[in-house]
């Protein structure tokens, strides 16, 4: 049996943060939403939750956050 990876306990690298910020910035621009809005906060939380749940591919994260 393979042990499962606990993504919640893994630290975010600077490359991870850069990718998440890039995805968030593009989605906020597409939605014409301010980075200080409640919607921006919700999208940022969604991205972090998806990443911590194990979604690590940029394209998959981008598509999932579009649907949020």
N, C-alpha and C. Protein backbone atom coordinates (compact mmCIF):
# COMPACT_ATOMS: atom_id res chain seq x y z
N UNK A 1 0.84 -1.18 0.00
CA UNK A 1 0.00 0.00 0.00
C UNK A 1 0.89 1.24 0.00
N UNK A 2 0.58 2.20 -0.85
CA UNK A 2 1.35 3.44 -0.92
C UNK A 2 0.82 4.44 0.11
N UNK A 3 1.72 5.05 0.85
CA UNK A 3 1.25 6.07 1.79
C UNK A 3 0.75 7.29 1.01
N UNK A 4 -0.32 7.88 1.50
CA UNK A 4 -0.83 9.07 0.81
C UNK A 4 -0.01 10.29 1.23
N UNK A 5 0.02 11.26 0.37
CA UNK A 5 0.76 12.48 0.64
C UNK A 5 -0.18 13.46 1.34
N UNK A 6 0.28 14.03 2.43
CA UNK A 6 -0.48 15.03 3.16
C UNK A 6 -0.09 16.40 2.62
N UNK A 7 -0.78 16.84 1.56
CA UNK A 7 -0.45 18.10 0.91
C UNK A 7 -0.65 19.31 1.82
N UNK A 8 -1.54 19.18 2.82
CA UNK A 8 -1.80 20.30 3.73
C UNK A 8 -0.59 20.65 4.56
N UNK A 9 0.28 19.69 4.83
CA UNK A 9 1.43 19.95 5.68
C UNK A 9 2.69 20.33 4.89
N UNK A 10 2.62 20.23 3.57
CA UNK A 10 3.78 20.61 2.75
C UNK A 10 3.87 22.13 2.64
N UNK A 11 5.07 22.69 2.80
CA UNK A 11 5.21 24.14 2.65
C UNK A 11 5.07 24.56 1.19
N UNK A 12 4.64 25.78 1.00
CA UNK A 12 4.56 26.36 -0.34
C UNK A 12 5.93 26.94 -0.69
N UNK A 13 6.42 26.61 -1.86
CA UNK A 13 7.69 27.19 -2.31
C UNK A 13 7.42 28.54 -2.95
N UNK A 14 8.47 29.27 -3.21
CA UNK A 14 8.30 30.56 -3.88
C UNK A 14 7.76 30.36 -5.29
N UNK A 15 8.13 29.26 -5.94
CA UNK A 15 7.60 28.96 -7.27
C UNK A 15 6.10 28.64 -7.19
N UNK A 16 5.69 27.94 -6.14
CA UNK A 16 4.26 27.67 -5.94
C UNK A 16 3.50 28.97 -5.76
N UNK A 17 4.02 29.84 -4.91
CA UNK A 17 3.36 31.12 -4.66
C UNK A 17 3.28 31.97 -5.91
N UNK A 18 4.35 31.97 -6.70
CA UNK A 18 4.35 32.72 -7.96
C UNK A 18 3.26 32.20 -8.90
N UNK A 19 3.15 30.87 -9.00
CA UNK A 19 2.14 30.29 -9.87
C UNK A 19 0.74 30.64 -9.39
N UNK A 20 0.49 30.50 -8.09
CA UNK A 20 -0.84 30.80 -7.55
C UNK A 20 -1.19 32.28 -7.75
N UNK A 21 -0.21 33.16 -7.54
CA UNK A 21 -0.44 34.59 -7.75
C UNK A 21 -0.74 34.88 -9.21
N UNK A 22 -0.02 34.24 -10.11
CA UNK A 22 -0.23 34.43 -11.55
C UNK A 22 -1.65 34.01 -11.94
N UNK A 23 -2.08 32.85 -11.45
CA UNK A 23 -3.43 32.37 -11.74
C UNK A 23 -4.46 33.33 -11.18
N UNK A 24 -4.27 33.76 -9.94
CA UNK A 24 -5.22 34.69 -9.31
C UNK A 24 -5.28 36.00 -10.08
N UNK A 25 -4.14 36.56 -10.41
CA UNK A 25 -4.10 37.84 -11.13
C UNK A 25 -4.83 37.74 -12.46
N UNK A 26 -4.60 36.68 -13.19
CA UNK A 26 -5.26 36.51 -14.50
C UNK A 26 -6.77 36.37 -14.35
N UNK A 27 -7.20 35.64 -13.33
CA UNK A 27 -8.63 35.44 -13.13
C UNK A 27 -9.31 36.73 -12.67
N UNK A 28 -8.64 37.48 -11.82
CA UNK A 28 -9.20 38.76 -11.38
C UNK A 28 -9.32 39.73 -12.55
N UNK A 29 -8.32 39.74 -13.41
CA UNK A 29 -8.36 40.58 -14.60
C UNK A 29 -9.50 40.16 -15.52
N UNK A 30 -9.65 38.87 -15.72
CA UNK A 30 -10.71 38.36 -16.60
C UNK A 30 -12.10 38.72 -16.06
N UNK A 31 -12.22 38.74 -14.73
CA UNK A 31 -13.51 39.06 -14.11
C UNK A 31 -13.69 40.55 -13.84
N UNK A 32 -12.65 41.34 -14.11
CA UNK A 32 -12.67 42.78 -13.82
C UNK A 32 -12.97 43.02 -12.34
N UNK A 33 -12.22 42.33 -11.49
CA UNK A 33 -12.41 42.38 -10.04
C UNK A 33 -11.15 42.95 -9.39
N UNK A 34 -11.34 43.79 -8.38
CA UNK A 34 -10.23 44.37 -7.63
C UNK A 34 -9.57 43.32 -6.75
N UNK A 35 -8.26 43.43 -6.61
CA UNK A 35 -7.52 42.50 -5.76
C UNK A 35 -7.86 42.61 -4.29
N UNK A 36 -8.49 43.71 -3.90
CA UNK A 36 -8.86 43.90 -2.49
C UNK A 36 -10.32 43.56 -2.20
N UNK A 37 -11.01 43.02 -3.19
CA UNK A 37 -12.44 42.72 -3.02
C UNK A 37 -12.66 41.41 -2.28
N UNK A 38 -13.87 41.22 -1.80
CA UNK A 38 -14.24 39.96 -1.15
C UNK A 38 -14.13 38.79 -2.13
N UNK A 39 -14.50 39.04 -3.39
CA UNK A 39 -14.42 37.99 -4.40
C UNK A 39 -12.98 37.55 -4.62
N UNK A 40 -12.05 38.51 -4.59
CA UNK A 40 -10.63 38.17 -4.74
C UNK A 40 -10.17 37.29 -3.59
N UNK A 41 -10.61 37.61 -2.39
CA UNK A 41 -10.26 36.80 -1.23
C UNK A 41 -10.80 35.39 -1.34
N UNK A 42 -12.04 35.28 -1.82
CA UNK A 42 -12.66 33.97 -2.00
C UNK A 42 -11.89 33.15 -3.04
N UNK A 43 -11.52 33.78 -4.14
CA UNK A 43 -10.77 33.08 -5.18
C UNK A 43 -9.40 32.64 -4.68
N UNK A 44 -8.74 33.50 -3.91
CA UNK A 44 -7.44 33.14 -3.34
C UNK A 44 -7.57 31.95 -2.41
N UNK A 45 -8.59 31.95 -1.56
CA UNK A 45 -8.81 30.81 -0.66
C UNK A 45 -9.08 29.53 -1.46
N UNK A 46 -9.88 29.66 -2.50
CA UNK A 46 -10.19 28.50 -3.35
C UNK A 46 -8.92 27.93 -3.97
N UNK A 47 -8.07 28.80 -4.48
CA UNK A 47 -6.81 28.35 -5.09
C UNK A 47 -5.93 27.62 -4.08
N UNK A 48 -5.80 28.19 -2.89
CA UNK A 48 -4.96 27.56 -1.86
C UNK A 48 -5.55 26.21 -1.46
N UNK A 49 -6.86 26.15 -1.29
CA UNK A 49 -7.51 24.88 -0.92
C UNK A 49 -7.30 23.81 -1.99
N UNK A 50 -7.46 24.20 -3.26
CA UNK A 50 -7.24 23.25 -4.34
C UNK A 50 -5.79 22.76 -4.35
N UNK A 51 -4.87 23.68 -4.18
CA UNK A 51 -3.45 23.34 -4.17
C UNK A 51 -3.14 22.40 -3.01
N UNK A 52 -3.68 22.70 -1.84
CA UNK A 52 -3.44 21.87 -0.67
C UNK A 52 -4.12 20.51 -0.79
N UNK A 53 -5.17 20.44 -1.59
CA UNK A 53 -5.85 19.16 -1.81
C UNK A 53 -5.10 18.29 -2.82
N UNK A 54 -4.06 18.85 -3.45
CA UNK A 54 -3.23 18.05 -4.33
C UNK A 54 -3.28 18.44 -5.80
N UNK A 55 -4.08 19.44 -6.16
CA UNK A 55 -4.11 19.91 -7.55
C UNK A 55 -2.88 20.80 -7.73
N UNK A 56 -1.92 20.34 -8.48
CA UNK A 56 -0.65 21.06 -8.61
C UNK A 56 -0.38 21.56 -10.02
N UNK A 57 -1.13 21.13 -11.00
CA UNK A 57 -0.91 21.56 -12.38
C UNK A 57 -1.56 22.92 -12.60
N UNK A 58 -0.80 23.85 -13.17
CA UNK A 58 -1.27 25.21 -13.36
C UNK A 58 -2.54 25.26 -14.21
N UNK A 59 -2.57 24.52 -15.29
CA UNK A 59 -3.74 24.55 -16.16
C UNK A 59 -4.98 24.02 -15.44
N UNK A 60 -4.82 22.96 -14.66
CA UNK A 60 -5.96 22.41 -13.91
C UNK A 60 -6.45 23.41 -12.87
N UNK A 61 -5.54 24.05 -12.18
CA UNK A 61 -5.93 25.08 -11.20
C UNK A 61 -6.66 26.23 -11.89
N UNK A 62 -6.14 26.65 -13.03
CA UNK A 62 -6.74 27.77 -13.76
C UNK A 62 -8.18 27.42 -14.17
N UNK A 63 -8.39 26.22 -14.68
CA UNK A 63 -9.72 25.80 -15.09
C UNK A 63 -10.68 25.68 -13.91
N UNK A 64 -10.17 25.16 -12.81
CA UNK A 64 -11.02 24.97 -11.63
C UNK A 64 -11.42 26.31 -11.01
N UNK A 65 -10.51 27.26 -11.00
CA UNK A 65 -10.82 28.56 -10.40
C UNK A 65 -11.77 29.35 -11.31
N UNK A 66 -11.71 29.12 -12.61
CA UNK A 66 -12.65 29.75 -13.52
C UNK A 66 -14.07 29.32 -13.19
N UNK A 67 -14.23 28.07 -12.81
CA UNK A 67 -15.55 27.52 -12.51
C UNK A 67 -16.06 27.94 -11.14
N UNK A 68 -15.18 28.46 -10.31
CA UNK A 68 -15.57 28.83 -8.93
C UNK A 68 -16.38 30.11 -8.91
